[in-house]
Amino acid sequence: MIKICCQCINAAIQSTIAFNRVGKEPSSIYQYFQPTRKKRLIVTNIFSTLHAQFGNMLVLASLTKANLTALFKRTIAVISDVAQNSPTLRMDLKILKNVQRQQGLE
Protein backbone atom coordinates (compact mmCIF):
# COMPACT_ATOMS: atom_id res chain seq x y z
CA MET A 1 0.00 0.00 0.00
CA ILE A 2 2.82 2.42 0.85
CA LYS A 3 4.45 1.73 -2.52
CA ILE A 4 1.20 2.61 -4.29
CA CYS A 5 0.88 5.83 -2.24
CA CYS A 6 4.44 6.79 -3.18
CA GLN A 7 3.64 6.15 -6.84
CA CYS A 8 0.58 8.43 -6.55
CA ILE A 9 2.63 11.19 -4.95
CA ASN A 10 5.29 10.90 -7.66
CA ALA A 11 2.60 10.91 -10.36
CA ALA A 12 1.15 14.16 -8.95
CA ILE A 13 4.61 15.75 -8.97
CA GLN A 14 5.38 14.55 -12.51
CA SER A 15 1.98 15.75 -13.72
CA THR A 16 2.67 19.19 -12.27
CA ILE A 17 6.07 19.57 -13.92
CA ALA A 18 5.23 17.72 -17.17
CA PHE A 19 5.42 20.82 -19.38
CA ASN A 20 8.57 22.36 -17.84
CA ARG A 21 10.86 21.37 -20.73
CA VAL A 22 8.50 21.95 -23.66
CA GLY A 23 10.39 23.78 -26.41
CA LYS A 24 13.87 23.17 -25.01
CA GLU A 25 16.70 21.22 -26.60
CA PRO A 26 16.72 17.60 -25.33
CA SER A 27 20.38 17.96 -24.33
CA SER A 28 19.85 21.17 -22.32
CA ILE A 29 20.32 21.07 -18.56
CA TYR A 30 17.12 20.83 -16.53
CA GLN A 31 16.93 22.27 -13.04
CA TYR A 32 14.30 20.33 -11.14
CA PHE A 33 11.06 22.26 -10.60
CA GLN A 34 12.18 25.18 -12.80
CA PRO A 35 10.17 25.86 -15.97
CA THR A 36 12.56 26.54 -18.85
CA ARG A 37 10.17 27.98 -21.40
CA LYS A 38 10.65 31.52 -22.67
CA LYS A 39 7.03 32.22 -23.57
CA ARG A 40 3.57 31.22 -22.44
CA LEU A 41 2.69 27.59 -23.08
CA ILE A 42 -0.12 27.07 -25.58
CA VAL A 43 -2.00 23.79 -25.14
CA THR A 44 -5.59 22.71 -25.58
CA ASN A 45 -7.57 23.81 -22.51
CA ILE A 46 -4.71 25.35 -20.52
CA PHE A 47 -7.17 26.37 -17.81
CA SER A 48 -8.14 22.76 -17.01
CA THR A 49 -4.48 21.73 -17.11
CA LEU A 50 -3.44 24.45 -14.66
CA HIS A 51 -6.51 23.88 -12.47
CA ALA A 52 -5.47 20.21 -12.21
CA GLN A 53 -1.97 21.35 -11.20
CA PHE A 54 -3.59 23.52 -8.54
CA GLY A 55 -5.38 20.42 -7.20
CA ASN A 56 -2.13 18.45 -7.25
CA MET A 57 -0.47 21.15 -5.14
CA LEU A 58 -3.21 21.02 -2.50
CA VAL A 59 -2.86 17.23 -2.25
CA LEU A 60 0.93 17.40 -2.13
CA ALA A 61 0.81 20.11 0.55
CA SER A 62 -0.99 17.70 2.84
CA LEU A 63 1.50 14.88 2.26
CA THR A 64 5.07 16.13 2.30
CA LYS A 65 7.16 19.31 2.47
CA ALA A 66 10.12 17.87 0.55
CA ASN A 67 10.69 20.07 -2.50
CA LEU A 68 7.35 21.83 -1.94
CA THR A 69 8.88 25.29 -1.65
CA ALA A 70 10.31 25.10 -5.18
CA LEU A 71 7.23 23.34 -6.53
CA PHE A 72 4.88 25.98 -5.06
CA LYS A 73 6.99 28.80 -6.53
CA ARG A 74 7.00 27.08 -9.92
CA THR A 75 3.25 26.40 -9.97
CA ILE A 76 2.40 29.92 -8.76
CA ALA A 77 4.62 31.42 -11.48
CA VAL A 78 3.05 29.32 -14.23
CA ILE A 79 -0.53 29.98 -13.11
CA SER A 80 0.30 33.70 -12.76
CA ASP A 81 1.09 33.80 -16.49
CA VAL A 82 -2.51 32.89 -17.35
CA ALA A 83 -4.56 33.86 -14.28
CA GLN A 84 -5.60 37.26 -15.64
CA ASN A 85 -7.65 35.41 -18.28
CA SER A 86 -9.57 33.14 -15.90
CA PRO A 87 -11.54 33.86 -12.72
CA THR A 88 -11.00 30.22 -11.68
CA LEU A 89 -7.22 30.46 -12.05
CA ARG A 90 -7.18 33.81 -10.23
CA MET A 91 -8.93 32.12 -7.30
CA ASP A 92 -6.62 29.09 -7.56
CA LEU A 93 -3.63 31.44 -7.44
CA LYS A 94 -4.98 33.26 -4.40
CA ILE A 95 -5.58 29.95 -2.59
CA LEU A 96 -2.14 28.58 -3.49
CA LYS A 97 -0.41 31.74 -2.27
CA ASN A 98 -2.38 31.53 0.98
CA VAL A 99 -1.48 27.84 1.48
CA GLN A 100 2.15 28.65 0.61
CA ARG A 101 2.21 31.40 3.25
CA GLN A 102 0.42 29.32 5.90
CA GLN A 103 2.78 26.36 5.37
CA GLY A 104 5.89 28.58 5.44
CA LEU A 105 6.85 27.53 1.90
CA GLU A 106 7.83 30.99 0.62
PDB file of N, CA and C in Angstrom:
ATOM      1  N   MET A   1       0.818  -1.191   0.000  1.00  0.00           N
ATOM      2  CA  MET A   1       0.000   0.000   0.000  1.00  0.00           C
ATOM      3  C   MET A   1       0.869   1.266   0.000  1.00  0.00           C
ATOM      4  N   ILE A   2       1.936   1.247   0.790  1.00  0.00           N
ATOM      5  CA  ILE A   2       2.815   2.417   0.852  1.00  0.00           C
ATOM      6  C   ILE A   2       3.465   2.660  -0.508  1.00  0.00           C
ATOM      7  N   LYS A   3       3.843   1.586  -1.196  1.00  0.00           N
ATOM      8  CA  LYS A   3       4.447   1.727  -2.521  1.00  0.00           C
ATOM      9  C   LYS A   3       3.471   2.404  -3.482  1.00  0.00           C
ATOM     10  N   ILE A   4       2.213   2.014  -3.429  1.00  0.00           N
ATOM     11  CA  ILE A   4       1.196   2.615  -4.295  1.00  0.00           C
ATOM     12  C   ILE A   4       1.009   4.090  -3.941  1.00  0.00           C
ATOM     13  N   CYS A   5       0.999   4.422  -2.658  1.00  0.00           N
ATOM     14  CA  CYS A   5       0.879   5.826  -2.237  1.00  0.00           C
ATOM     15  C   CYS A   5       2.058   6.645  -2.756  1.00  0.00           C
ATOM     16  N   CYS A   6       3.257   6.088  -2.669  1.00  0.00           N
ATOM     17  CA  CYS A   6       4.442   6.788  -3.175  1.00  0.00           C
ATOM     18  C   CYS A   6       4.344   7.001  -4.682  1.00  0.00           C
ATOM     19  N   GLN A   7       3.821   6.006  -5.399  1.00  0.00           N
ATOM     20  CA  GLN A   7       3.638   6.153  -6.843  1.00  0.00           C
ATOM     21  C   GLN A   7       2.637   7.265  -7.150  1.00  0.00           C
ATOM     22  N   CYS A   8       1.576   7.366  -6.351  1.00  0.00           N
ATOM     23  CA  CYS A   8       0.576   8.427  -6.549  1.00  0.00           C
ATOM     24  C   CYS A   8       1.182   9.804  -6.303  1.00  0.00           C
ATOM     25  N   ILE A   9       1.976   9.919  -5.251  1.00  0.00           N
ATOM     26  CA  ILE A   9       2.633  11.191  -4.949  1.00  0.00           C
ATOM     27  C   ILE A   9       3.571  11.574  -6.092  1.00  0.00           C
ATOM     28  N   ASN A  10       4.372  10.623  -6.550  1.00  0.00           N
ATOM     29  CA  ASN A  10       5.292  10.896  -7.655  1.00  0.00           C
ATOM     30  C   ASN A  10       4.529  11.261  -8.927  1.00  0.00           C
ATOM     31  N   ALA A  11       3.409  10.595  -9.178  1.00  0.00           N
ATOM     32  CA  ALA A  11       2.599  10.913 -10.363  1.00  0.00           C
ATOM     33  C   ALA A  11       2.066  12.339 -10.291  1.00  0.00           C
ATOM     34  N   ALA A  12       1.643  12.783  -9.110  1.00  0.00           N
ATOM     35  CA  ALA A  12       1.155  14.158  -8.950  1.00  0.00           C
ATOM     36  C   ALA A  12       2.272  15.161  -9.214  1.00  0.00           C
ATOM     37  N   ILE A  13       3.473  14.864  -8.725  1.00  0.00           N
ATOM     38  CA  ILE A  13       4.614  15.753  -8.971  1.00  0.00           C
ATOM     39  C   ILE A  13       4.945  15.782 -10.459  1.00  0.00           C
ATOM     40  N   GLN A  14       5.040  14.611 -11.084  1.00  0.00           N
ATOM     41  CA  GLN A  14       5.383  14.548 -12.505  1.00  0.00           C
ATOM     42  C   GLN A  14       4.325  15.230 -13.369  1.00  0.00           C
ATOM     43  N   SER A  15       3.058  15.083 -12.992  1.00  0.00           N
ATOM     44  CA  SER A  15       1.979  15.748 -13.724  1.00  0.00           C
ATOM     45  C   SER A  15       2.120  17.264 -13.637  1.00  0.00           C
ATOM     46  N   THR A  16       2.531  17.749 -12.477  1.00  0.00           N
ATOM     47  CA  THR A  16       2.666  19.189 -12.265  1.00  0.00           C
ATOM     48  C   THR A  16       3.826  19.778 -13.068  1.00  0.00           C
ATOM     49  N   ILE A  17       4.900  19.033 -13.221  1.00  0.00           N
ATOM     50  CA  ILE A  17       6.073  19.569 -13.923  1.00  0.00           C
ATOM     51  C   ILE A  17       6.180  19.072 -15.366  1.00  0.00           C
ATOM     52  N   ALA A  18       5.170  18.379 -15.854  1.00  0.00           N
ATOM     53  CA  ALA A  18       5.231  17.717 -17.165  1.00  0.00           C
ATOM     54  C   ALA A  18       5.608  18.653 -18.311  1.00  0.00           C
ATOM     55  N   PHE A  19       5.178  19.904 -18.264  1.00  0.00           N
ATOM     56  CA  PHE A  19       5.415  20.823 -19.376  1.00  0.00           C
ATOM     57  C   PHE A  19       6.655  21.698 -19.191  1.00  0.00           C
ATOM     58  N   ASN A  20       7.429  21.490 -18.137  1.00  0.00           N
ATOM     59  CA  ASN A  20       8.566  22.364 -17.840  1.00  0.00           C
ATOM     60  C   ASN A  20       9.595  22.448 -18.960  1.00  0.00           C
ATOM     61  N   ARG A  21       9.799  21.384 -19.711  1.00  0.00           N
ATOM     62  CA  ARG A  21      10.857  21.367 -20.729  1.00  0.00           C
ATOM     63  C   ARG A  21      10.329  21.523 -22.145  1.00  0.00           C
ATOM     64  N   VAL A  22       9.060  21.798 -22.317  1.00  0.00           N
ATOM     65  CA  VAL A  22       8.500  21.954 -23.663  1.00  0.00           C
ATOM     66  C   VAL A  22       9.233  23.078 -24.389  1.00  0.00           C
ATOM     67  N   GLY A  23       9.708  22.782 -25.599  1.00  0.00           N
ATOM     68  CA  GLY A  23      10.387  23.784 -26.412  1.00  0.00           C
ATOM     69  C   GLY A  23      11.882  23.888 -26.187  1.00  0.00           C
ATOM     70  N   LYS A  24      12.433  23.122 -25.285  1.00  0.00           N
ATOM     71  CA  LYS A  24      13.871  23.171 -25.013  1.00  0.00           C
ATOM     72  C   LYS A  24      14.587  22.045 -25.745  1.00  0.00           C
ATOM     73  N   GLU A  25      15.866  22.247 -25.980  1.00  0.00           N
ATOM     74  CA  GLU A  25      16.697  21.216 -26.595  1.00  0.00           C
ATOM     75  C   GLU A  25      16.769  20.009 -25.651  1.00  0.00           C
ATOM     76  N   PRO A  26      16.659  18.788 -26.184  1.00  0.00           N
ATOM     77  CA  PRO A  26      16.723  17.599 -25.331  1.00  0.00           C
ATOM     78  C   PRO A  26      18.011  17.506 -24.516  1.00  0.00           C
ATOM     79  N   SER A  27      19.100  18.055 -25.033  1.00  0.00           N
ATOM     80  CA  SER A  27      20.382  17.964 -24.330  1.00  0.00           C
ATOM     81  C   SER A  27      20.600  19.095 -23.320  1.00  0.00           C
ATOM     82  N   SER A  28      19.672  20.047 -23.248  1.00  0.00           N
ATOM     83  CA  SER A  28      19.852  21.166 -22.318  1.00  0.00           C
ATOM     84  C   SER A  28      19.696  20.696 -20.871  1.00  0.00           C
ATOM     85  N   ILE A  29      20.347  21.414 -19.982  1.00  0.00           N
ATOM     86  CA  ILE A  29      20.325  21.066 -18.561  1.00  0.00           C
ATOM     87  C   ILE A  29      18.983  21.469 -17.961  1.00  0.00           C
ATOM     88  N   TYR A  30      18.399  20.557 -17.194  1.00  0.00           N
ATOM     89  CA  TYR A  30      17.122  20.826 -16.531  1.00  0.00           C
ATOM     90  C   TYR A  30      17.341  20.967 -15.038  1.00  0.00           C
ATOM     91  N   GLN A  31      16.899  22.078 -14.485  1.00  0.00           N
ATOM     92  CA  GLN A  31      16.926  22.273 -13.041  1.00  0.00           C
ATOM     93  C   GLN A  31      15.564  21.870 -12.517  1.00  0.00           C
ATOM     94  N   TYR A  32      15.549  20.886 -11.649  1.00  0.00           N
ATOM     95  CA  TYR A  32      14.296  20.327 -11.141  1.00  0.00           C
ATOM     96  C   TYR A  32      13.366  21.417 -10.612  1.00  0.00           C
ATOM     97  N   PHE A  33      12.131  21.353 -11.007  1.00  0.00           N
ATOM     98  CA  PHE A  33      11.058  22.264 -10.604  1.00  0.00           C
ATOM     99  C   PHE A  33      11.198  23.671 -11.178  1.00  0.00           C
ATOM    100  N   GLN A  34      12.024  23.869 -12.179  1.00  0.00           N
ATOM    101  CA  GLN A  34      12.178  25.180 -12.803  1.00  0.00           C
ATOM    102  C   GLN A  34      11.679  25.125 -14.243  1.00  0.00           C
ATOM    103  N   PRO A  35      10.599  25.847 -14.565  1.00  0.00           N
ATOM    104  CA  PRO A  35      10.167  25.861 -15.969  1.00  0.00           C
ATOM    105  C   PRO A  35      11.234  26.546 -16.825  1.00  0.00           C
ATOM    106  N   THR A  36      11.499  25.999 -17.996  1.00  0.00           N
ATOM    107  CA  THR A  36      12.565  26.538 -18.846  1.00  0.00           C
ATOM    108  C   THR A  36      12.037  27.243 -20.086  1.00  0.00           C
ATOM    109  N   ARG A  37      10.743  27.351 -20.203  1.00  0.00           N
ATOM    110  CA  ARG A  37      10.172  27.978 -21.401  1.00  0.00           C
ATOM    111  C   ARG A  37      10.385  29.485 -21.363  1.00  0.00           C
ATOM    112  N   LYS A  38      10.439  30.078 -22.549  1.00  0.00           N
ATOM    113  CA  LYS A  38      10.651  31.521 -22.673  1.00  0.00           C
ATOM    114  C   LYS A  38       9.352  32.274 -22.919  1.00  0.00           C
ATOM    115  N   LYS A  39       8.310  31.566 -23.333  1.00  0.00           N
ATOM    116  CA  LYS A  39       7.029  32.222 -23.574  1.00  0.00           C
ATOM    117  C   LYS A  39       5.901  31.346 -23.043  1.00  0.00           C
ATOM    118  N   ARG A  40       4.727  31.911 -22.980  1.00  0.00           N
ATOM    119  CA  ARG A  40       3.567  31.221 -22.438  1.00  0.00           C
ATOM    120  C   ARG A  40       3.283  29.941 -23.222  1.00  0.00           C
ATOM    121  N   LEU A  41       3.009  28.879 -22.492  1.00  0.00           N
ATOM    122  CA  LEU A  41       2.693  27.589 -23.078  1.00  0.00           C
ATOM    123  C   LEU A  41       1.298  27.626 -23.693  1.00  0.00           C
ATOM    124  N   ILE A  42       1.182  27.126 -24.909  1.00  0.00           N
ATOM    125  CA  ILE A  42      -0.117  27.071 -25.577  1.00  0.00           C
ATOM    126  C   ILE A  42      -0.484  25.603 -25.766  1.00  0.00           C
ATOM    127  N   VAL A  43      -1.482  25.157 -25.019  1.00  0.00           N
ATOM    128  CA  VAL A  43      -1.996  23.794 -25.140  1.00  0.00           C
ATOM    129  C   VAL A  43      -3.517  23.858 -25.152  1.00  0.00           C
ATOM    130  N   THR A  44      -4.136  22.782 -25.600  1.00  0.00           N
ATOM    131  CA  THR A  44      -5.586  22.708 -25.580  1.00  0.00           C
ATOM    132  C   THR A  44      -6.058  22.758 -24.133  1.00  0.00           C
ATOM    133  N   ASN A  45      -6.958  23.660 -23.833  1.00  0.00           N
ATOM    134  CA  ASN A  45      -7.569  23.812 -22.513  1.00  0.00           C
ATOM    135  C   ASN A  45      -6.538  24.005 -21.393  1.00  0.00           C
ATOM    136  N   ILE A  46      -5.727  25.034 -21.519  1.00  0.00           N
ATOM    137  CA  ILE A  46      -4.706  25.352 -20.516  1.00  0.00           C
ATOM    138  C   ILE A  46      -5.310  25.580 -19.140  1.00  0.00           C
ATOM    139  N   PHE A  47      -6.537  26.088 -19.098  1.00  0.00           N
ATOM    140  CA  PHE A  47      -7.170  26.370 -17.810  1.00  0.00           C
ATOM    141  C   PHE A  47      -7.424  25.085 -17.031  1.00  0.00           C
ATOM    142  N   SER A  48      -7.927  24.044 -17.689  1.00  0.00           N
ATOM    143  CA  SER A  48      -8.140  22.760 -17.010  1.00  0.00           C
ATOM    144  C   SER A  48      -6.816  22.140 -16.582  1.00  0.00           C
ATOM    145  N   THR A  49      -5.797  22.265 -17.433  1.00  0.00           N
ATOM    146  CA  THR A  49      -4.479  21.730 -17.107  1.00  0.00           C
ATOM    147  C   THR A  49      -3.922  22.403 -15.858  1.00  0.00           C
ATOM    148  N   LEU A  50      -3.981  23.728 -15.813  1.00  0.00           N
ATOM    149  CA  LEU A  50      -3.443  24.455 -14.658  1.00  0.00           C
ATOM    150  C   LEU A  50      -4.317  24.270 -13.426  1.00  0.00           C
ATOM    151  N   HIS A  51      -5.621  24.126 -13.610  1.00  0.00           N
ATOM    152  CA  HIS A  51      -6.510  23.878 -12.469  1.00  0.00           C
ATOM    153  C   HIS A  51      -6.204  22.500 -11.869  1.00  0.00           C
ATOM    154  N   ALA A  52      -5.874  21.526 -12.707  1.00  0.00           N
ATOM    155  CA  ALA A  52      -5.473  20.209 -12.210  1.00  0.00           C
ATOM    156  C   ALA A  52      -4.158  20.308 -11.439  1.00  0.00           C
ATOM    157  N   GLN A  53      -3.222  21.142 -11.928  1.00  0.00           N
ATOM    158  CA  GLN A  53      -1.968  21.348 -11.205  1.00  0.00           C
ATOM    159  C   GLN A  53      -2.232  21.984  -9.843  1.00  0.00           C
ATOM    160  N   PHE A  54      -3.175  22.909  -9.801  1.00  0.00           N
ATOM    161  CA  PHE A  54      -3.594  23.520  -8.540  1.00  0.00           C
ATOM    162  C   PHE A  54      -4.053  22.427  -7.572  1.00  0.00           C
ATOM    163  N   GLY A  55      -4.894  21.527  -8.040  1.00  0.00           N
ATOM    164  CA  GLY A  55      -5.376  20.423  -7.201  1.00  0.00           C
ATOM    165  C   GLY A  55      -4.239  19.534  -6.728  1.00  0.00           C
ATOM    166  N   ASN A  56      -3.305  19.240  -7.630  1.00  0.00           N
ATOM    167  CA  ASN A  56      -2.131  18.451  -7.245  1.00  0.00           C
ATOM    168  C   ASN A  56      -1.382  19.116  -6.099  1.00  0.00           C
ATOM    169  N   MET A  57      -1.215  20.433  -6.180  1.00  0.00           N
ATOM    170  CA  MET A  57      -0.471  21.151  -5.144  1.00  0.00           C
ATOM    171  C   MET A  57      -1.161  21.052  -3.790  1.00  0.00           C
ATOM    172  N   LEU A  58      -2.489  21.131  -3.766  1.00  0.00           N
ATOM    173  CA  LEU A  58      -3.208  21.016  -2.497  1.00  0.00           C
ATOM    174  C   LEU A  58      -3.028  19.624  -1.894  1.00  0.00           C
ATOM    175  N   VAL A  59      -3.078  18.594  -2.730  1.00  0.00           N
ATOM    176  CA  VAL A  59      -2.865  17.225  -2.247  1.00  0.00           C
ATOM    177  C   VAL A  59      -1.437  17.060  -1.746  1.00  0.00           C
ATOM    178  N   LEU A  60      -0.473  17.527  -2.525  1.00  0.00           N
ATOM    179  CA  LEU A  60       0.929  17.399  -2.128  1.00  0.00           C
ATOM    180  C   LEU A  60       1.234  18.170  -0.845  1.00  0.00           C
ATOM    181  N   ALA A  61       0.578  19.306  -0.656  1.00  0.00           N
ATOM    182  CA  ALA A  61       0.814  20.106   0.552  1.00  0.00           C
ATOM    183  C   ALA A  61       0.423  19.335   1.804  1.00  0.00           C
ATOM    184  N   SER A  62      -0.553  18.459   1.677  1.00  0.00           N
ATOM    185  CA  SER A  62      -0.993  17.704   2.845  1.00  0.00           C
ATOM    186  C   SER A  62      -0.131  16.466   3.092  1.00  0.00           C
ATOM    187  N   LEU A  63       0.737  16.115   2.157  1.00  0.00           N
ATOM    188  CA  LEU A  63       1.504  14.877   2.264  1.00  0.00           C
ATOM    189  C   LEU A  63       2.957  15.060   2.673  1.00  0.00           C
ATOM    190  N   THR A  64       3.634  16.010   2.076  1.00  0.00           N
ATOM    191  CA  THR A  64       5.074  16.129   2.303  1.00  0.00           C
ATOM    192  C   THR A  64       5.541  17.558   2.037  1.00  0.00           C
ATOM    193  N   LYS A  65       6.595  17.979   2.728  1.00  0.00           N
ATOM    194  CA  LYS A  65       7.155  19.307   2.471  1.00  0.00           C
ATOM    195  C   LYS A  65       8.433  19.235   1.641  1.00  0.00           C
ATOM    196  N   ALA A  66       8.905  18.024   1.351  1.00  0.00           N
ATOM    197  CA  ALA A  66      10.123  17.866   0.551  1.00  0.00           C
ATOM    198  C   ALA A  66       9.905  18.460  -0.833  1.00  0.00           C
ATOM    199  N   ASN A  67      10.725  19.391  -1.198  1.00  0.00           N
ATOM    200  CA  ASN A  67      10.686  20.065  -2.504  1.00  0.00           C
ATOM    201  C   ASN A  67       9.454  20.940  -2.726  1.00  0.00           C
ATOM    202  N   LEU A  68       8.580  21.059  -1.729  1.00  0.00           N
ATOM    203  CA  LEU A  68       7.352  21.826  -1.941  1.00  0.00           C
ATOM    204  C   LEU A  68       7.601  23.312  -2.131  1.00  0.00           C
ATOM    205  N   THR A  69       8.610  23.868  -1.481  1.00  0.00           N
ATOM    206  CA  THR A  69       8.876  25.292  -1.653  1.00  0.00           C
ATOM    207  C   THR A  69       9.123  25.614  -3.123  1.00  0.00           C
ATOM    208  N   ALA A  70      10.015  24.869  -3.756  1.00  0.00           N
ATOM    209  CA  ALA A  70      10.313  25.096  -5.178  1.00  0.00           C
ATOM    210  C   ALA A  70       9.111  24.783  -6.048  1.00  0.00           C
ATOM    211  N   LEU A  71       8.377  23.728  -5.719  1.00  0.00           N
ATOM    212  CA  LEU A  71       7.225  23.341  -6.530  1.00  0.00           C
ATOM    213  C   LEU A  71       6.096  24.366  -6.417  1.00  0.00           C
ATOM    214  N   PHE A  72       5.892  24.921  -5.215  1.00  0.00           N
ATOM    215  CA  PHE A  72       4.884  25.977  -5.058  1.00  0.00           C
ATOM    216  C   PHE A  72       5.275  27.203  -5.874  1.00  0.00           C
ATOM    217  N   LYS A  73       6.538  27.631  -5.765  1.00  0.00           N
ATOM    218  CA  LYS A  73       6.991  28.802  -6.529  1.00  0.00           C
ATOM    219  C   LYS A  73       6.796  28.586  -8.017  1.00  0.00           C
ATOM    220  N   ARG A  74       7.131  27.406  -8.506  1.00  0.00           N
ATOM    221  CA  ARG A  74       6.998  27.078  -9.918  1.00  0.00           C
ATOM    222  C   ARG A  74       5.542  27.123 -10.356  1.00  0.00           C
ATOM    223  N   THR A  75       4.662  26.472  -9.596  1.00  0.00           N
ATOM    224  CA  THR A  75       3.249  26.402  -9.974  1.00  0.00           C
ATOM    225  C   THR A  75       2.602  27.777  -9.907  1.00  0.00           C
ATOM    226  N   ILE A  76       2.927  28.560  -8.884  1.00  0.00           N
ATOM    227  CA  ILE A  76       2.395  29.922  -8.763  1.00  0.00           C
ATOM    228  C   ILE A  76       2.855  30.772  -9.945  1.00  0.00           C
ATOM    229  N   ALA A  77       4.115  30.642 -10.335  1.00  0.00           N
ATOM    230  CA  ALA A  77       4.622  31.420 -11.476  1.00  0.00           C
ATOM    231  C   ALA A  77       3.910  31.047 -12.770  1.00  0.00           C
ATOM    232  N   VAL A  78       3.700  29.763 -12.990  1.00  0.00           N
ATOM    233  CA  VAL A  78       3.054  29.318 -14.227  1.00  0.00           C
ATOM    234  C   VAL A  78       1.591  29.749 -14.262  1.00  0.00           C
ATOM    235  N   ILE A  79       0.879  29.565 -13.154  1.00  0.00           N
ATOM    236  CA  ILE A  79      -0.530  29.977 -13.110  1.00  0.00           C
ATOM    237  C   ILE A  79      -0.631  31.495 -13.238  1.00  0.00           C
ATOM    238  N   SER A  80       0.313  32.230 -12.668  1.00  0.00           N
ATOM    239  CA  SER A  80       0.304  33.696 -12.759  1.00  0.00           C
ATOM    240  C   SER A  80       0.341  34.183 -14.201  1.00  0.00           C
ATOM    241  N   ASP A  81       1.011  33.423 -15.073  1.00  0.00           N
ATOM    242  CA  ASP A  81       1.093  33.804 -16.488  1.00  0.00           C
ATOM    243  C   ASP A  81      -0.266  33.840 -17.170  1.00  0.00           C
ATOM    244  N   VAL A  82      -1.225  33.062 -16.670  1.00  0.00           N
ATOM    245  CA  VAL A  82      -2.512  32.894 -17.346  1.00  0.00           C
ATOM    246  C   VAL A  82      -3.682  33.383 -16.497  1.00  0.00           C
ATOM    247  N   ALA A  83      -3.465  33.586 -15.216  1.00  0.00           N
ATOM    248  CA  ALA A  83      -4.556  33.860 -14.279  1.00  0.00           C
ATOM    249  C   ALA A  83      -5.410  35.067 -14.652  1.00  0.00           C
ATOM    250  N   GLN A  84      -4.825  36.068 -15.295  1.00  0.00           N
ATOM    251  CA  GLN A  84      -5.598  37.258 -15.641  1.00  0.00           C
ATOM    252  C   GLN A  84      -6.722  36.937 -16.621  1.00  0.00           C
ATOM    253  N   ASN A  85      -6.642  35.790 -17.295  1.00  0.00           N
ATOM    254  CA  ASN A  85      -7.655  35.405 -18.275  1.00  0.00           C
ATOM    255  C   ASN A  85      -8.727  34.477 -17.718  1.00  0.00           C
ATOM    256  N   SER A  86      -8.642  34.130 -16.446  1.00  0.00           N
ATOM    257  CA  SER A  86      -9.567  33.142 -15.898  1.00  0.00           C
ATOM    258  C   SER A  86      -9.888  33.435 -14.438  1.00  0.00           C
ATOM    259  N   PRO A  87     -11.165  33.668 -14.117  1.00  0.00           N
ATOM    260  CA  PRO A  87     -11.541  33.858 -12.718  1.00  0.00           C
ATOM    261  C   PRO A  87     -11.192  32.636 -11.864  1.00  0.00           C
ATOM    262  N   THR A  88     -11.327  31.442 -12.427  1.00  0.00           N
ATOM    263  CA  THR A  88     -11.003  30.224 -11.678  1.00  0.00           C
ATOM    264  C   THR A  88      -9.526  30.182 -11.331  1.00  0.00           C
ATOM    265  N   LEU A  89      -8.663  30.481 -12.315  1.00  0.00           N
ATOM    266  CA  LEU A  89      -7.224  30.458 -12.050  1.00  0.00           C
ATOM    267  C   LEU A  89      -6.803  31.588 -11.118  1.00  0.00           C
ATOM    268  N   ARG A  90      -7.475  32.736 -11.177  1.00  0.00           N
ATOM    269  CA  ARG A  90      -7.175  33.814 -10.227  1.00  0.00           C
ATOM    270  C   ARG A  90      -7.461  33.343  -8.801  1.00  0.00           C
ATOM    271  N   MET A  91      -8.596  32.645  -8.623  1.00  0.00           N
ATOM    272  CA  MET A  91      -8.932  32.124  -7.298  1.00  0.00           C
ATOM    273  C   MET A  91      -7.954  31.015  -6.900  1.00  0.00           C
ATOM    274  N   ASP A  92      -7.614  30.128  -7.839  1.00  0.00           N
ATOM    275  CA  ASP A  92      -6.619  29.086  -7.561  1.00  0.00           C
ATOM    276  C   ASP A  92      -5.307  29.707  -7.092  1.00  0.00           C
ATOM    277  N   LEU A  93      -4.876  30.758  -7.776  1.00  0.00           N
ATOM    278  CA  LEU A  93      -3.628  31.439  -7.442  1.00  0.00           C
ATOM    279  C   LEU A  93      -3.693  32.034  -6.039  1.00  0.00           C
ATOM    280  N   LYS A  94      -4.798  32.669  -5.730  1.00  0.00           N
ATOM    281  CA  LYS A  94      -4.983  33.259  -4.402  1.00  0.00           C
ATOM    282  C   LYS A  94      -4.920  32.175  -3.316  1.00  0.00           C
ATOM    283  N   ILE A  95      -5.583  31.051  -3.563  1.00  0.00           N
ATOM    284  CA  ILE A  95      -5.584  29.955  -2.588  1.00  0.00           C
ATOM    285  C   ILE A  95      -4.184  29.373  -2.438  1.00  0.00           C
ATOM    286  N   LEU A  96      -3.500  29.129  -3.564  1.00  0.00           N
ATOM    287  CA  LEU A  96      -2.143  28.577  -3.492  1.00  0.00           C
ATOM    288  C   LEU A  96      -1.195  29.494  -2.731  1.00  0.00           C
ATOM    289  N   LYS A  97      -1.272  30.791  -2.992  1.00  0.00           N
ATOM    290  CA  LYS A  97      -0.411  31.740  -2.275  1.00  0.00           C
ATOM    291  C   LYS A  97      -0.716  31.727  -0.781  1.00  0.00           C
ATOM    292  N   ASN A  98      -1.991  31.584  -0.430  1.00  0.00           N
ATOM    293  CA  ASN A  98      -2.381  31.529   0.976  1.00  0.00           C
ATOM    294  C   ASN A  98      -1.851  30.246   1.631  1.00  0.00           C
ATOM    295  N   VAL A  99      -2.002  29.102   0.953  1.00  0.00           N
ATOM    296  CA  VAL A  99      -1.482  27.840   1.481  1.00  0.00           C
ATOM    297  C   VAL A  99       0.041  27.915   1.600  1.00  0.00           C
ATOM    298  N   GLN A 100       0.694  28.488   0.592  1.00  0.00           N
ATOM    299  CA  GLN A 100       2.150  28.649   0.612  1.00  0.00           C
ATOM    300  C   GLN A 100       2.579  29.453   1.841  1.00  0.00           C
ATOM    301  N   ARG A 101       1.887  30.552   2.100  1.00  0.00           N
ATOM    302  CA  ARG A 101       2.215  31.399   3.252  1.00  0.00           C
ATOM    303  C   ARG A 101       1.953  30.658   4.566  1.00  0.00           C
ATOM    304  N   GLN A 102       0.786  30.019   4.673  1.00  0.00           N
ATOM    305  CA  GLN A 102       0.425  29.317   5.904  1.00  0.00           C
ATOM    306  C   GLN A 102       1.372  28.159   6.218  1.00  0.00           C
ATOM    307  N   GLN A 103       1.875  27.502   5.177  1.00  0.00           N
ATOM    308  CA  GLN A 103       2.778  26.364   5.368  1.00  0.00           C
ATOM    309  C   GLN A 103       4.245  26.788   5.492  1.00  0.00           C
ATOM    310  N   GLY A 104       4.511  28.092   5.356  1.00  0.00           N
ATOM    311  CA  GLY A 104       5.888  28.576   5.441  1.00  0.00           C
ATOM    312  C   GLY A 104       6.746  28.098   4.276  1.00  0.00           C
ATOM    313  N   LEU A 105       6.155  28.052   3.079  1.00  0.00           N
ATOM    314  CA  LEU A 105       6.848  27.533   1.897  1.00  0.00           C
ATOM    315  C   LEU A 105       7.294  28.642   0.956  1.00  0.00           C
ATOM    316  N   GLU A 106       7.465  29.854   1.473  1.00  0.00           N
ATOM    317  CA  GLU A 106       7.827  30.995   0.621  1.00  0.00           C
ATOM    318  C   GLU A 106       9.315  31.044   0.358  1.00  0.00           C
TER     319      GLU A 106
END
